[in-house]
Amino acid sequence: MKSYVLLPALLLSLGCTGIPLHNSELQSAADSALGAALAEVNSVYAASHLYRVTTGSVAKVIPTGLDTVDLLMVFRIKETQCAKTSQDDPQACAFRPGFFVPSFTCSTRVRMMARSPQVVSLRCGHDGSSSSSSESSEEVSQESERHKLKSQTVVALYAQ
């Protein structure tokens, strides 16, 4: 009787451990996909400074055809000191110091075809909140502007 209870418990715990997949090809594809998603983030969401990835992971790999897969990824970004107009690599830029530095959690679907990444979808929302599927880049930009206005107001209050 004990073995009937222990076996499902063991199988359940093994299935939930999240053992990492060590596959250099998947790692290379994920790095390439994350780079494409970050470039899209910086072209769409960045106002004056570039964003840099803080953490990222592949949530799911979906085969869509011969030599084609979609990578569903989740990653976090934070604003850097590098200006958007610079040609700097965002991953080499230092993060902006301070408490009110914008940071977001993003989810993306990137199609990998013959080592060429194409961003299919991208959603970003403020850290600490889940982004809904209806959230658009305009809403995030508006929230970013409100966030900047709030931080300017707080700084102005402390300056007085």
C-alpha atoms as a PDB file:
ATOM      1  CA  MET A   1       0.000   0.000   0.000  1.00  0.00           C
ATOM      2  CA  LYS A   2       2.842   2.361   0.848  1.00  0.00           C
ATOM      3  CA  SER A   3       4.428   1.813  -2.574  1.00  0.00           C
ATOM      4  CA  TYR A   4       1.209   2.904  -4.300  1.00  0.00           C
ATOM      5  CA  VAL A   5       1.317   6.194  -2.408  1.00  0.00           C
ATOM      6  CA  LEU A   6       5.068   6.742  -2.699  1.00  0.00           C
ATOM      7  CA  LEU A   7       5.302   6.061  -6.451  1.00  0.00           C
ATOM      8  CA  PRO A   8       2.872   8.849  -7.515  1.00  0.00           C
ATOM      9  CA  ALA A   9       4.489  11.219  -4.993  1.00  0.00           C
ATOM     10  CA  LEU A  10       7.951  10.428  -6.404  1.00  0.00           C
ATOM     11  CA  LEU A  11       6.775  10.864 -10.008  1.00  0.00           C
ATOM     12  CA  LEU A  12       5.058  14.134  -9.139  1.00  0.00           C
ATOM     13  CA  SER A  13       8.161  15.516  -7.408  1.00  0.00           C
ATOM     14  CA  LEU A  14      10.418  14.511 -10.315  1.00  0.00           C
ATOM     15  CA  GLY A  15       8.089  16.184 -12.799  1.00  0.00           C
ATOM     16  CA  CYS A  16       8.085  19.452 -10.848  1.00  0.00           C
ATOM     17  CA  THR A  17      11.810  19.807 -10.210  1.00  0.00           C
ATOM     18  CA  GLY A  18      12.455  21.779 -13.369  1.00  0.00           C
ATOM     19  CA  ILE A  19      15.673  19.942 -14.194  1.00  0.00           C
ATOM     20  CA  PRO A  20      17.521  22.187 -16.673  1.00  0.00           C
ATOM     21  CA  LEU A  21      18.015  21.021 -20.224  1.00  0.00           C
ATOM     22  CA  HIS A  22      21.698  21.107 -21.188  1.00  0.00           C
ATOM     23  CA  ASN A  23      21.567  21.529 -24.929  1.00  0.00           C
ATOM     24  CA  SER A  24      24.087  23.839 -26.559  1.00  0.00           C
ATOM     25  CA  GLU A  25      21.929  24.240 -29.675  1.00  0.00           C
ATOM     26  CA  LEU A  26      18.928  25.352 -27.591  1.00  0.00           C
ATOM     27  CA  GLN A  27      21.182  27.699 -25.594  1.00  0.00           C
ATOM     28  CA  SER A  28      22.507  29.266 -28.781  1.00  0.00           C
ATOM     29  CA  ALA A  29      18.980  29.660 -30.190  1.00  0.00           C
ATOM     30  CA  ALA A  30      17.735  31.139 -26.897  1.00  0.00           C
ATOM     31  CA  ASP A  31      20.594  33.673 -26.816  1.00  0.00           C
ATOM     32  CA  SER A  32      19.874  34.688 -30.402  1.00  0.00           C
ATOM     33  CA  ALA A  33      16.129  34.947 -29.715  1.00  0.00           C
ATOM     34  CA  LEU A  34      16.705  36.997 -26.564  1.00  0.00           C
ATOM     35  CA  GLY A  35      18.970  39.358 -28.514  1.00  0.00           C
ATOM     36  CA  ALA A  36      16.242  39.868 -31.144  1.00  0.00           C
ATOM     37  CA  ALA A  37      13.616  40.454 -28.444  1.00  0.00           C
ATOM     38  CA  LEU A  38      15.863  42.970 -26.644  1.00  0.00           C
ATOM     39  CA  ALA A  39      16.462  44.841 -29.911  1.00  0.00           C
ATOM     40  CA  GLU A  40      12.681  45.016 -30.390  1.00  0.00           C
ATOM     41  CA  VAL A  41      12.185  46.226 -26.811  1.00  0.00           C
ATOM     42  CA  ASN A  42      14.746  48.977 -27.277  1.00  0.00           C
ATOM     43  CA  SER A  43      13.235  50.106 -30.575  1.00  0.00           C
ATOM     44  CA  VAL A  44       9.641  50.114 -29.264  1.00  0.00           C
ATOM     45  CA  TYR A  45       9.758  50.822 -25.511  1.00  0.00           C
ATOM     46  CA  ALA A  46      12.966  52.765 -24.884  1.00  0.00           C
ATOM     47  CA  ALA A  47      12.349  56.517 -24.650  1.00  0.00           C
ATOM     48  CA  SER A  48      15.770  57.984 -23.904  1.00  0.00           C
ATOM     49  CA  HIS A  49      17.878  55.116 -22.523  1.00  0.00           C
ATOM     50  CA  LEU A  50      18.412  51.513 -23.615  1.00  0.00           C
ATOM     51  CA  TYR A  51      17.146  48.531 -21.628  1.00  0.00           C
ATOM     52  CA  ARG A  52      19.247  45.544 -20.608  1.00  0.00           C
ATOM     53  CA  VAL A  53      18.160  42.014 -19.723  1.00  0.00           C
ATOM     54  CA  THR A  54      18.519  41.083 -16.060  1.00  0.00           C
ATOM     55  CA  THR A  55      17.127  37.533 -16.209  1.00  0.00           C
ATOM     56  CA  GLY A  56      15.539  35.357 -18.842  1.00  0.00           C
ATOM     57  CA  SER A  57      14.309  31.839 -19.463  1.00  0.00           C
ATOM     58  CA  VAL A  58      12.749  29.709 -22.159  1.00  0.00           C
ATOM     59  CA  ALA A  59       9.251  28.734 -21.042  1.00  0.00           C
ATOM     60  CA  LYS A  60       8.409  26.497 -23.993  1.00  0.00           C
ATOM     61  CA  VAL A  61       9.831  25.249 -27.297  1.00  0.00           C
ATOM     62  CA  ILE A  62       7.223  24.711 -30.018  1.00  0.00           C
ATOM     63  CA  PRO A  63       8.268  22.914 -33.223  1.00  0.00           C
ATOM     64  CA  THR A  64       6.405  24.633 -36.084  1.00  0.00           C
ATOM     65  CA  GLY A  65       8.009  22.991 -39.100  1.00  0.00           C
ATOM     66  CA  LEU A  66      11.152  21.449 -40.482  1.00  0.00           C
ATOM     67  CA  ASP A  67      14.095  23.436 -39.025  1.00  0.00           C
ATOM     68  CA  THR A  68      11.682  25.966 -37.485  1.00  0.00           C
ATOM     69  CA  VAL A  69      10.777  26.361 -33.820  1.00  0.00           C
ATOM     70  CA  ASP A  70       9.040  29.012 -31.758  1.00  0.00           C
ATOM     71  CA  LEU A  71      10.582  29.895 -28.415  1.00  0.00           C
ATOM     72  CA  LEU A  72       8.266  31.246 -25.726  1.00  0.00           C
ATOM     73  CA  MET A  73      10.458  33.271 -23.396  1.00  0.00           C
ATOM     74  CA  VAL A  74      10.055  35.363 -20.258  1.00  0.00           C
ATOM     75  CA  PHE A  75      12.650  37.945 -19.290  1.00  0.00           C
ATOM     76  CA  ARG A  76      13.137  41.037 -17.151  1.00  0.00           C
ATOM     77  CA  ILE A  77      14.694  44.287 -18.304  1.00  0.00           C
ATOM     78  CA  LYS A  78      15.971  47.405 -16.573  1.00  0.00           C
ATOM     79  CA  GLU A  79      16.950  50.814 -17.933  1.00  0.00           C
ATOM     80  CA  THR A  80      20.670  51.464 -18.488  1.00  0.00           C
ATOM     81  CA  GLN A  81      22.875  54.549 -18.563  1.00  0.00           C
ATOM     82  CA  CYS A  82      23.392  54.244 -22.341  1.00  0.00           C
ATOM     83  CA  ALA A  83      21.425  56.683 -24.475  1.00  0.00           C
ATOM     84  CA  LYS A  84      19.029  55.238 -27.034  1.00  0.00           C
ATOM     85  CA  THR A  85      20.866  57.155 -29.762  1.00  0.00           C
ATOM     86  CA  SER A  86      24.180  55.469 -28.922  1.00  0.00           C
ATOM     87  CA  GLN A  87      25.415  52.466 -30.871  1.00  0.00           C
ATOM     88  CA  ASP A  88      26.406  50.684 -27.646  1.00  0.00           C
ATOM     89  CA  ASP A  89      25.557  47.046 -26.937  1.00  0.00           C
ATOM     90  CA  PRO A  90      22.812  47.260 -24.276  1.00  0.00           C
ATOM     91  CA  GLN A  91      24.142  44.170 -22.494  1.00  0.00           C
ATOM     92  CA  ALA A  92      27.464  45.998 -21.954  1.00  0.00           C
ATOM     93  CA  CYS A  93      25.819  49.109 -20.473  1.00  0.00           C
ATOM     94  CA  ALA A  94      25.641  49.736 -16.730  1.00  0.00           C
ATOM     95  CA  PHE A  95      22.230  49.942 -15.101  1.00  0.00           C
ATOM     96  CA  ARG A  96      21.003  53.383 -14.094  1.00  0.00           C
ATOM     97  CA  PRO A  97      21.345  53.868 -10.330  1.00  0.00           C
ATOM     98  CA  GLY A  98      18.408  54.822  -8.158  1.00  0.00           C
ATOM     99  CA  PHE A  99      15.111  53.572  -6.832  1.00  0.00           C
ATOM    100  CA  PHE A 100      12.846  54.855  -9.618  1.00  0.00           C
ATOM    101  CA  VAL A 101      14.665  53.229 -12.530  1.00  0.00           C
ATOM    102  CA  PRO A 102      12.111  51.686 -14.922  1.00  0.00           C
ATOM    103  CA  SER A 103      12.087  47.891 -15.058  1.00  0.00           C
ATOM    104  CA  PHE A 104       9.682  45.557 -16.824  1.00  0.00           C
ATOM    105  CA  THR A 105       8.844  41.893 -17.161  1.00  0.00           C
ATOM    106  CA  CYS A 106       8.413  40.815 -20.765  1.00  0.00           C
ATOM    107  CA  SER A 107       7.143  37.751 -22.547  1.00  0.00           C
ATOM    108  CA  THR A 108       7.881  37.029 -26.165  1.00  0.00           C
ATOM    109  CA  ARG A 109       7.422  34.479 -28.894  1.00  0.00           C
ATOM    110  CA  VAL A 110      10.385  34.292 -31.259  1.00  0.00           C
ATOM    111  CA  ARG A 111      10.392  32.162 -34.410  1.00  0.00           C
ATOM    112  CA  MET A 112      13.766  30.596 -35.152  1.00  0.00           C
ATOM    113  CA  MET A 113      14.220  29.746 -38.834  1.00  0.00           C
ATOM    114  CA  ALA A 114      17.667  28.619 -39.973  1.00  0.00           C
ATOM    115  CA  ARG A 115      19.304  30.488 -37.058  1.00  0.00           C
ATOM    116  CA  SER A 116      17.482  33.694 -37.981  1.00  0.00           C
ATOM    117  CA  PRO A 117      15.247  35.002 -35.163  1.00  0.00           C
ATOM    118  CA  GLN A 118      11.972  36.788 -35.909  1.00  0.00           C
ATOM    119  CA  VAL A 119       9.967  38.334 -33.056  1.00  0.00           C
ATOM    120  CA  VAL A 120       6.351  37.188 -33.484  1.00  0.00           C
ATOM    121  CA  SER A 121       4.933  38.805 -30.339  1.00  0.00           C
ATOM    122  CA  LEU A 122       6.223  40.862 -27.444  1.00  0.00           C
ATOM    123  CA  ARG A 123       4.497  42.116 -24.278  1.00  0.00           C
ATOM    124  CA  CYS A 124       6.049  44.025 -21.417  1.00  0.00           C
ATOM    125  CA  GLY A 125       4.562  45.215 -18.132  1.00  0.00           C
ATOM    126  CA  HIS A 126       5.905  46.802 -14.959  1.00  0.00           C
ATOM    127  CA  ASP A 127       7.663  44.420 -12.574  1.00  0.00           C
ATOM    128  CA  GLY A 128       5.370  43.087  -9.911  1.00  0.00           C
ATOM    129  CA  SER A 129       2.330  43.044 -12.172  1.00  0.00           C
ATOM    130  CA  SER A 130       1.280  40.470 -14.683  1.00  0.00           C
ATOM    131  CA  SER A 131       0.901  41.736 -18.206  1.00  0.00           C
ATOM    132  CA  SER A 132      -2.375  40.926 -19.888  1.00  0.00           C
ATOM    133  CA  SER A 133      -2.658  39.778 -23.461  1.00  0.00           C
ATOM    134  CA  SER A 134      -4.536  42.976 -24.332  1.00  0.00           C
ATOM    135  CA  GLU A 135      -1.727  45.223 -23.136  1.00  0.00           C
ATOM    136  CA  SER A 136      -0.207  47.181 -25.998  1.00  0.00           C
ATOM    137  CA  SER A 137       3.027  49.086 -26.370  1.00  0.00           C
ATOM    138  CA  GLU A 138       1.067  52.345 -26.153  1.00  0.00           C
ATOM    139  CA  GLU A 139      -0.311  51.363 -22.741  1.00  0.00           C
ATOM    140  CA  VAL A 140       3.161  50.461 -21.493  1.00  0.00           C
ATOM    141  CA  SER A 141       4.564  53.732 -22.857  1.00  0.00           C
ATOM    142  CA  GLN A 142       1.770  55.680 -21.178  1.00  0.00           C
ATOM    143  CA  GLU A 143       2.439  53.870 -17.897  1.00  0.00           C
ATOM    144  CA  SER A 144       6.145  54.593 -18.297  1.00  0.00           C
ATOM    145  CA  GLU A 145       5.404  58.294 -18.776  1.00  0.00           C
ATOM    146  CA  ARG A 146       3.131  58.304 -15.685  1.00  0.00           C
ATOM    147  CA  HIS A 147       5.864  56.481 -13.748  1.00  0.00           C
ATOM    148  CA  LYS A 148       8.419  59.123 -14.805  1.00  0.00           C
ATOM    149  CA  LEU A 149       6.005  61.890 -13.834  1.00  0.00           C
ATOM    150  CA  LYS A 150       5.449  60.284 -10.414  1.00  0.00           C
ATOM    151  CA  SER A 151       9.179  59.950  -9.804  1.00  0.00           C
ATOM    152  CA  GLN A 152       9.739  63.577 -10.840  1.00  0.00           C
ATOM    153  CA  THR A 153       6.965  64.653  -8.449  1.00  0.00           C
ATOM    154  CA  VAL A 154       8.481  62.642  -5.579  1.00  0.00           C
ATOM    155  CA  VAL A 155      11.928  64.095  -6.284  1.00  0.00           C
ATOM    156  CA  ALA A 156      10.436  67.600  -6.407  1.00  0.00           C
ATOM    157  CA  LEU A 157       8.691  67.026  -3.054  1.00  0.00           C
ATOM    158  CA  TYR A 158      11.926  65.883  -1.421  1.00  0.00           C
ATOM    159  CA  ALA A 159      13.847  68.785  -2.939  1.00  0.00           C
ATOM    160  CA  GLN A 160      11.551  71.322  -1.215  1.00  0.00           C
END
